């Protein structure tokens, strides 16, 4: 029997960038609108399917759905939901991809309660529209979100020194949202998605500090699964599968590059990313095995990409590492090209050519990056040719 994903309709997934946060300058982003995915969703889903990608990551824009407290207006979501149905696409819906309605204070109990109510309303809508329970990522990248918004103030809520507090609040919301979705529509599945990282100390640096920073990647998952701060309500049953995000710059040297003498007030530490050829680089297969050993649940690579001409070689590297992990018994259930559609940068509108599809559309079709498409087809064939490896998938992951 050929190898196939036990969780998804296709082993290779595609993700549409759907960030909705407010930047440090207060401007709200809406990448679904910025890439015109909101108006080209039908073509986007069909085009992904033409490349063998039948499972998609996409987003519900909470700030548009609940612009007025307790009132849900779904016109921003229904075209995407119906386009996915028409294309036969399976979708994992991010319910909070860094953004929330302006009338909610993220630090208040209302954030948790409001998120749970909104999540349940979405689940009921999904069932009404499709006849099926939804697949959700309740809160995207809890650990990264807490660092960026709670420590570095580069996105909402614009805080410093509050990463742990924000992490706990996001975990409370994710747990409440998951419980509300499952109560509203039994059989719904919830995925916990965050980056995996590796930080290597410079020769003069304290290696213990680098190890501590690296270990922080597990904080969100540990809280969700009850390994850490069980009073938050986490448990292994709260997570059906873990999504690991892995980009070319997820491994770097500590400490960050020094602040230059002429740095202005907007200066941020720059990170020296490790090269995949550096002996300090940690193979992705080992990182996947470590995550699985820690949580004993199915995994998938929920985001991976690189910009420019390196796109095919990066996909080749990730695919080879995932195959090695699978052959070693790690239940990796998919690889998501994220983003599948190139987009403009968060801070400066710089074009980021990192997708299978370019932003420009001609005749209703996005322009395809031909080298990446060829490598994707090659990798799909290689995975298809693999024997079906025995993989332990938990009952909760397959329910529904």
Protein backbone atom coordinates (compact mmCIF):
# COMPACT_ATOMS: atom_id res chain seq x y z
CA UNK A 1 0.00 0.00 0.00
CA UNK A 2 1.47 3.43 -0.89
CA UNK A 3 2.24 6.00 1.76
CA UNK A 4 -0.44 8.57 2.54
CA UNK A 5 -1.36 11.00 5.28
CA UNK A 6 -3.70 9.63 7.92
CA UNK A 7 -4.85 13.11 8.92
CA UNK A 8 -5.13 15.08 5.70
CA UNK A 9 -6.53 14.79 2.19
CA UNK A 10 -3.06 15.33 0.72
CA UNK A 11 0.39 14.93 2.26
CA UNK A 12 1.47 18.30 0.89
CA UNK A 13 -0.60 21.21 2.19
CA UNK A 14 -0.68 24.85 1.18
CA UNK A 15 -1.15 27.80 3.50
CA UNK A 16 -2.47 31.26 2.67
CA UNK A 17 -0.87 34.00 4.79
CA UNK A 18 -3.70 35.37 6.95
CA UNK A 19 -2.09 37.62 9.58
CA UNK A 20 -4.43 40.27 11.00
CA UNK A 21 -2.38 41.87 13.77
CA UNK A 22 -1.70 45.51 14.44
CA UNK A 23 1.91 46.52 13.90
CA UNK A 24 3.92 48.61 16.34
CA UNK A 25 2.76 51.73 14.48
CA UNK A 26 -0.89 50.77 15.00
CA UNK A 27 -1.65 49.79 11.41
CA UNK A 28 -3.71 46.62 11.14
CA UNK A 29 -2.64 44.08 8.57
CA UNK A 30 -5.02 41.90 6.57
CA UNK A 31 -2.95 39.60 4.39
CA UNK A 32 -6.00 37.79 2.99
CA UNK A 33 -7.16 41.07 1.48
CA UNK A 34 -3.61 42.19 0.69
CA UNK A 35 -2.99 39.15 -1.50
CA UNK A 36 -6.51 39.33 -3.00
CA UNK A 37 -7.14 35.83 -1.71
CA UNK A 38 -10.49 37.14 -0.48
CA UNK A 39 -11.62 37.78 -4.07
CA UNK A 40 -9.60 35.04 -5.82
CA UNK A 41 -10.23 32.23 -3.33
CA UNK A 42 -12.07 30.01 -5.82
CA UNK A 43 -9.22 30.21 -8.33
CA UNK A 44 -6.61 29.85 -5.56
CA UNK A 45 -8.11 26.64 -4.18
CA UNK A 46 -8.58 25.16 -7.65
CA UNK A 47 -5.03 26.03 -8.62
CA UNK A 48 -3.66 24.43 -5.46
CA UNK A 49 -5.66 21.28 -6.24
CA UNK A 50 -4.15 21.21 -9.74
CA UNK A 51 -0.78 20.81 -8.03
CA UNK A 52 -2.01 17.97 -5.83
CA UNK A 53 -2.58 20.17 -2.76
CA UNK A 54 -6.02 19.38 -1.36
CA UNK A 55 -5.50 20.41 2.25
CA UNK A 56 -5.17 24.13 2.97
CA UNK A 57 -4.37 26.36 5.92
CA UNK A 58 -6.47 29.52 5.87
CA UNK A 59 -7.82 32.07 8.31
CA UNK A 60 -10.99 33.47 9.82
CA UNK A 61 -10.58 37.20 10.38
CA UNK A 62 -12.00 37.62 13.87
CA UNK A 63 -11.77 41.42 13.79
CA UNK A 64 -14.11 41.48 10.76
CA UNK A 65 -16.45 38.75 11.98
CA UNK A 66 -17.06 40.41 15.36
CA UNK A 67 -16.66 44.09 14.62
CA UNK A 68 -19.50 44.69 17.11
CA UNK A 69 -19.43 42.91 20.47
CA UNK A 70 -21.31 39.60 20.36
CA UNK A 71 -22.51 40.13 16.79
CA UNK A 72 -21.10 37.76 14.16
CA UNK A 73 -21.09 38.85 10.55
CA UNK A 74 -19.65 36.13 8.30
CA UNK A 75 -19.50 37.85 4.92
CA UNK A 76 -15.68 37.97 5.08
CA UNK A 77 -15.50 34.18 5.57
CA UNK A 78 -18.35 32.66 3.56
CA UNK A 79 -16.79 33.22 0.11
CA UNK A 80 -13.65 31.38 1.25
CA UNK A 81 -15.57 28.61 2.96
CA UNK A 82 -17.80 28.05 -0.06
CA UNK A 83 -14.91 28.28 -2.51
CA UNK A 84 -13.08 25.57 -0.58
CA UNK A 85 -16.14 23.36 -0.69
CA UNK A 86 -16.53 23.87 -4.43
CA UNK A 87 -12.88 22.94 -4.99
CA UNK A 88 -13.06 19.90 -2.72
CA UNK A 89 -10.40 21.38 -0.43
CA UNK A 90 -9.99 20.36 3.19
CA UNK A 91 -9.19 23.46 5.28
CA UNK A 92 -7.54 23.99 8.65
CA UNK A 93 -8.94 27.31 9.86
CA UNK A 94 -6.85 29.64 12.03
CA UNK A 95 -9.31 31.37 14.35
CA UNK A 96 -6.85 33.90 15.77
CA UNK A 97 -3.82 34.60 13.59
CA UNK A 98 -2.34 37.37 15.77
CA UNK A 99 -5.37 39.70 15.53
CA UNK A 100 -8.57 40.28 17.49
CA UNK A 101 -11.40 42.87 17.51
CA UNK A 102 -10.55 46.34 18.76
CA UNK A 103 -13.33 46.30 21.35
CA UNK A 104 -11.72 43.41 23.28
CA UNK A 105 -8.90 43.87 25.80
CA UNK A 106 -6.56 40.90 25.38
CA UNK A 107 -5.58 41.05 29.07
CA UNK A 108 -9.16 40.78 30.33
CA UNK A 109 -11.28 37.67 30.99
CA UNK A 110 -13.47 38.94 28.15
CA UNK A 111 -10.76 37.95 25.69
CA UNK A 112 -11.00 34.30 26.71
CA UNK A 113 -14.77 34.29 26.98
CA UNK A 114 -15.26 36.22 23.76
CA UNK A 115 -12.91 33.97 21.86
CA UNK A 116 -14.71 30.84 23.05
CA UNK A 117 -18.10 32.23 21.99
CA UNK A 118 -16.78 33.26 18.58
CA UNK A 119 -15.07 29.87 18.10
CA UNK A 120 -18.29 27.99 18.88
CA UNK A 121 -20.26 30.20 16.49
CA UNK A 122 -17.71 29.45 13.76
CA UNK A 123 -17.99 25.70 14.39
CA UNK A 124 -21.76 25.80 14.05
CA UNK A 125 -21.50 27.82 10.85
CA UNK A 126 -18.95 25.36 9.44
CA UNK A 127 -21.23 22.44 10.20
CA UNK A 128 -24.22 24.20 8.62
CA UNK A 129 -22.24 25.02 5.48
CA UNK A 130 -20.32 21.76 5.00
CA UNK A 131 -22.04 19.08 7.04
CA UNK A 132 -18.70 18.30 8.71
CA UNK A 133 -16.87 19.26 11.93
CA UNK A 134 -14.11 21.81 11.36
CA UNK A 135 -10.36 21.46 11.62
CA UNK A 136 -9.00 24.42 13.58
CA UNK A 137 -5.86 26.04 14.87
CA UNK A 138 -7.42 28.07 17.71
CA UNK A 139 -4.53 30.51 18.35
CA UNK A 140 -1.65 30.52 15.90
CA UNK A 141 1.95 30.38 17.20
CA UNK A 142 1.38 31.02 20.89
CA UNK A 143 5.09 31.04 21.77
CA UNK A 144 6.06 33.33 18.88
CA UNK A 145 3.00 35.56 19.40
CA UNK A 146 3.93 36.00 23.08
CA UNK A 147 7.54 36.86 22.21
CA UNK A 148 6.64 39.32 19.44
CA UNK A 149 3.73 41.01 21.18
CA UNK A 150 4.62 40.49 24.84
CA UNK A 151 8.39 41.02 24.89
CA UNK A 152 9.49 42.81 21.71
CA UNK A 153 6.45 45.09 21.12
CA UNK A 154 6.67 44.52 17.37
CA UNK A 155 2.96 43.68 17.18
CA UNK A 156 -0.14 43.91 19.34
CA UNK A 157 -0.51 44.17 22.28
CA UNK A 158 2.77 46.09 22.06
CA UNK A 159 4.19 45.04 25.42
CA UNK A 160 7.65 44.35 26.80
CA UNK A 161 8.50 41.99 29.66
CA UNK A 162 5.07 40.35 29.43
CA UNK A 163 5.74 37.30 27.27
CA UNK A 164 4.90 34.74 29.96
CA UNK A 165 1.72 36.54 30.95
CA UNK A 166 0.63 36.81 27.33
CA UNK A 167 1.49 33.15 26.75
CA UNK A 168 -0.81 32.14 29.60
CA UNK A 169 -3.63 34.30 28.32
CA UNK A 170 -3.33 32.90 24.81
CA UNK A 171 -3.30 29.36 26.21
CA UNK A 172 -6.45 30.09 28.23
CA UNK A 173 -8.14 31.33 25.07
CA UNK A 174 -6.97 28.39 22.96
CA UNK A 175 -8.18 25.86 25.55
CA UNK A 176 -11.53 27.62 25.99
CA UNK A 177 -11.96 27.92 22.22
CA UNK A 178 -11.14 24.26 21.64
CA UNK A 179 -13.58 23.14 24.33
CA UNK A 180 -16.31 25.41 22.93
CA UNK A 181 -15.80 24.14 19.38
CA UNK A 182 -15.89 20.50 20.46
CA UNK A 183 -19.01 21.08 22.56
CA UNK A 184 -20.76 22.85 19.70
CA UNK A 185 -19.70 20.33 17.04
CA UNK A 186 -18.41 16.99 18.34
CA UNK A 187 -15.66 15.52 16.19
CA UNK A 188 -13.91 18.84 15.60
CA UNK A 189 -10.12 18.62 15.66
CA UNK A 190 -7.71 21.17 17.13
CA UNK A 191 -4.08 21.62 16.12
CA UNK A 192 -1.39 23.44 18.09
CA UNK A 193 1.07 25.22 15.79
CA UNK A 194 4.34 26.91 16.76
CA UNK A 195 7.93 27.17 15.47
CA UNK A 196 10.70 24.73 16.32
CA UNK A 197 14.01 26.50 16.85
CA UNK A 198 17.63 25.82 17.70
CA UNK A 199 19.96 28.47 19.15
CA UNK A 200 23.69 27.79 19.13
CA UNK A 201 26.01 29.75 21.48
CA UNK A 202 28.86 31.78 20.10
CA UNK A 203 32.29 30.63 21.36
CA UNK A 204 32.35 33.26 24.12
CA UNK A 205 28.69 32.89 25.16
CA UNK A 206 27.15 30.93 28.03
CA UNK A 207 25.73 27.77 26.42
CA UNK A 208 23.18 27.38 29.22
CA UNK A 209 21.47 30.63 28.21
CA UNK A 210 21.23 29.40 24.61
CA UNK A 211 19.75 26.10 25.84
CA UNK A 212 17.19 27.98 27.95
CA UNK A 213 16.12 30.11 25.01
CA UNK A 214 15.85 27.03 22.80
CA UNK A 215 13.74 25.22 25.39
CA UNK A 216 11.24 28.10 25.43
CA UNK A 217 9.91 26.81 22.11
CA UNK A 218 7.99 24.22 24.14
CA UNK A 219 6.24 26.64 26.51
CA UNK A 220 2.98 26.96 24.57
CA UNK A 221 2.69 23.26 23.81
CA UNK A 222 3.61 22.37 27.41
CA UNK A 223 0.85 24.63 28.75
CA UNK A 224 -1.74 23.35 26.28
CA UNK A 225 -0.98 19.73 27.14
CA UNK A 226 -0.79 20.28 30.91
CA UNK A 227 2.92 19.49 31.26
CA UNK A 228 3.47 22.99 32.62
CA UNK A 229 1.09 25.10 34.76
CA UNK A 230 -1.74 22.52 34.75
CA UNK A 231 -3.90 25.01 36.61
CA UNK A 232 -4.50 26.63 33.20
CA UNK A 233 -6.54 23.55 32.29
CA UNK A 234 -4.32 21.98 29.68
CA UNK A 235 -4.25 18.26 28.99
CA UNK A 236 -2.96 15.93 26.26
CA UNK A 237 -6.53 15.62 24.98
CA UNK A 238 -6.61 19.36 24.20
CA UNK A 239 -4.38 18.82 21.15
CA UNK A 240 -5.15 16.44 18.28
CA UNK A 241 -1.88 17.06 16.44
CA UNK A 242 1.08 19.42 16.66
CA UNK A 243 2.14 21.60 13.75
CA UNK A 244 5.81 22.61 13.67
CA UNK A 245 6.85 25.67 11.71
CA UNK A 246 10.37 25.51 10.29
CA UNK A 247 11.98 28.16 8.13
CA UNK A 248 15.53 28.62 6.89
CA UNK A 249 16.21 31.09 9.73
CA UNK A 250 14.79 29.07 12.64
CA UNK A 251 18.34 28.33 13.82
CA UNK A 252 20.67 31.14 14.82
CA UNK A 253 23.60 32.20 16.97
CA UNK A 254 23.40 33.62 20.50
CA UNK A 255 23.84 36.37 21.46
CA UNK A 256 22.34 38.48 18.69
CA UNK A 257 24.57 40.88 16.80
CA UNK A 258 25.66 43.88 18.88
CA UNK A 259 23.87 47.21 18.66
CA UNK A 260 25.83 49.56 16.36
CA UNK A 261 26.93 52.90 17.77
CA UNK A 262 24.78 54.87 15.32
CA UNK A 263 21.62 52.79 15.80
CA UNK A 264 18.37 54.74 15.88
CA UNK A 265 15.36 54.24 18.18
CA UNK A 266 13.78 51.67 15.84
CA UNK A 267 16.81 49.38 15.88
CA UNK A 268 16.11 45.71 16.55
CA UNK A 269 18.65 42.98 17.30
CA UNK A 270 19.72 41.17 14.14
CA UNK A 271 20.11 37.43 14.24
CA UNK A 272 22.88 35.57 12.46
CA UNK A 273 21.08 32.57 11.02
CA UNK A 274 22.96 29.30 10.90
CA UNK A 275 23.59 27.72 7.53
CA UNK A 276 22.32 24.22 6.90
CA UNK A 277 25.98 23.39 6.20
CA UNK A 278 27.17 24.66 9.58
CA UNK A 279 28.15 21.81 11.96
CA UNK A 280 26.07 23.54 14.65
CA UNK A 281 22.93 23.20 12.50
CA UNK A 282 20.47 20.71 13.97
CA UNK A 283 18.83 18.36 11.43
CA UNK A 284 15.08 18.80 11.15
CA UNK A 285 14.60 15.04 11.56
CA UNK A 286 16.07 15.28 15.08
CA UNK A 287 13.84 18.20 15.99
CA UNK A 288 10.75 16.34 14.80
CA UNK A 289 11.75 13.25 16.78
CA UNK A 290 12.22 15.36 19.92
CA UNK A 291 8.78 16.95 19.61
CA UNK A 292 7.16 13.55 19.10
CA UNK A 293 9.01 12.01 22.04
CA UNK A 294 7.83 14.86 24.25
CA UNK A 295 4.14 14.86 23.30
CA UNK A 296 3.45 11.44 21.74
CA UNK A 297 1.00 12.74 19.19
CA UNK A 298 0.95 13.14 15.39
CA UNK A 299 2.95 15.97 13.83
CA UNK A 300 3.00 17.90 10.61
CA UNK A 301 5.23 20.61 9.23
CA UNK A 302 2.70 23.43 9.37
CA UNK A 303 4.85 26.13 7.74
CA UNK A 304 8.02 26.07 5.69
CA UNK A 305 9.45 28.24 2.92
CA UNK A 306 12.35 30.37 1.77
CA UNK A 307 12.52 33.27 -0.66
CA UNK A 308 13.75 33.39 -4.23
CA UNK A 309 15.69 30.83 -6.23
CA UNK A 310 16.38 28.67 -3.17
CA UNK A 311 12.74 27.57 -2.98
CA UNK A 312 13.22 24.16 -4.69
CA UNK A 313 16.36 23.24 -2.75
CA UNK A 314 14.75 24.19 0.56
CA UNK A 315 11.69 22.03 -0.16
CA UNK A 316 14.04 19.19 -1.11
CA UNK A 317 15.88 19.52 2.22
CA UNK A 318 12.68 19.59 4.30
CA UNK A 319 11.19 16.66 2.39
CA UNK A 320 14.32 14.53 2.79
CA UNK A 321 14.38 15.24 6.51
CA UNK A 322 10.69 14.41 6.89
CA UNK A 323 11.15 11.11 5.04
CA UNK A 324 14.05 10.26 7.33
CA UNK A 325 11.90 11.06 10.37
CA UNK A 326 9.03 8.91 9.10
CA UNK A 327 11.38 6.02 8.41
CA UNK A 328 12.60 6.35 12.00
CA UNK A 329 9.01 5.97 13.25
CA UNK A 330 8.00 9.61 13.77
CA UNK A 331 4.35 10.11 12.69
CA UNK A 332 4.75 13.14 10.41
CA UNK A 333 1.46 13.55 8.56
CA UNK A 334 2.15 16.37 6.13
CA UNK A 335 4.27 19.26 4.89
CA UNK A 336 2.64 22.66 4.36
CA UNK A 337 4.07 25.11 1.83
CA UNK A 338 3.51 28.27 3.80
CA UNK A 339 2.84 30.56 2.28
CA UNK A 340 1.71 28.95 -0.94
CA UNK A 341 1.16 32.47 -2.26
CA UNK A 342 3.90 35.12 -2.21
CA UNK A 343 2.94 38.33 -0.44
CA UNK A 344 4.07 41.76 0.72
CA UNK A 345 6.12 42.03 3.90
CA UNK A 346 4.52 42.88 7.22
CA UNK A 347 6.50 46.05 7.91
CA UNK A 348 7.64 47.52 4.63
CA UNK A 349 5.47 46.12 1.81
CA UNK A 350 8.58 44.44 0.41
CA UNK A 351 7.67 41.71 -2.06
CA UNK A 352 8.39 38.31 -0.52
CA UNK A 353 8.78 35.75 -3.35
CA UNK A 354 8.37 32.63 -1.21
CA UNK A 355 5.31 30.89 -2.63
CA UNK A 356 4.44 28.25 -5.18
CA UNK A 357 2.29 31.00 -6.69
CA UNK A 358 3.28 34.60 -7.23
CA UNK A 359 1.01 37.43 -6.21
CA UNK A 360 0.28 38.47 -9.79
CA UNK A 361 -2.66 36.78 -11.49
CA UNK A 362 -3.14 36.51 -15.23
CA UNK A 363 -6.38 35.27 -16.68
CA UNK A 364 -7.64 34.30 -13.26
CA UNK A 365 -4.57 32.18 -12.52
CA UNK A 366 -1.64 33.03 -10.27
CA UNK A 367 1.75 32.86 -11.94
CA UNK A 368 3.47 29.63 -10.89
CA UNK A 369 7.08 29.39 -9.76
CA UNK A 370 8.04 26.66 -12.23
CA UNK A 371 11.18 25.36 -10.44
CA UNK A 372 9.31 24.98 -7.16
CA UNK A 373 6.37 23.32 -8.92
CA UNK A 374 8.74 20.81 -10.52
CA UNK A 375 10.39 20.02 -7.18
CA UNK A 376 6.99 19.68 -5.51
CA UNK A 377 5.91 17.15 -8.14
CA UNK A 378 9.16 15.22 -7.64
CA UNK A 379 8.72 15.13 -3.89
CA UNK A 380 5.09 14.08 -4.19
CA UNK A 381 6.18 11.13 -6.31
CA UNK A 382 8.89 10.18 -3.81
CA UNK A 383 6.46 10.18 -0.91
CA UNK A 384 3.89 8.28 -2.97
CA UNK A 385 6.51 5.61 -3.65
CA UNK A 386 7.28 5.12 0.04
CA UNK A 387 5.83 2.02 1.68
CA UNK A 388 3.05 2.75 4.13
CA UNK A 389 4.98 3.00 7.38
CA UNK A 390 3.24 1.93 10.61
CA UNK A 391 2.57 5.12 12.55
CA UNK A 392 0.90 5.34 15.92
CA UNK A 393 -1.94 7.83 15.56
CA UNK A 394 -3.88 8.52 18.74
CA UNK A 395 -7.57 7.85 18.90
CA UNK A 396 -8.30 11.49 19.67
CA UNK A 397 -6.50 12.57 16.51
CA UNK A 398 -8.65 10.37 14.35
CA UNK A 399 -11.98 10.92 16.03
CA UNK A 400 -14.82 12.34 14.01
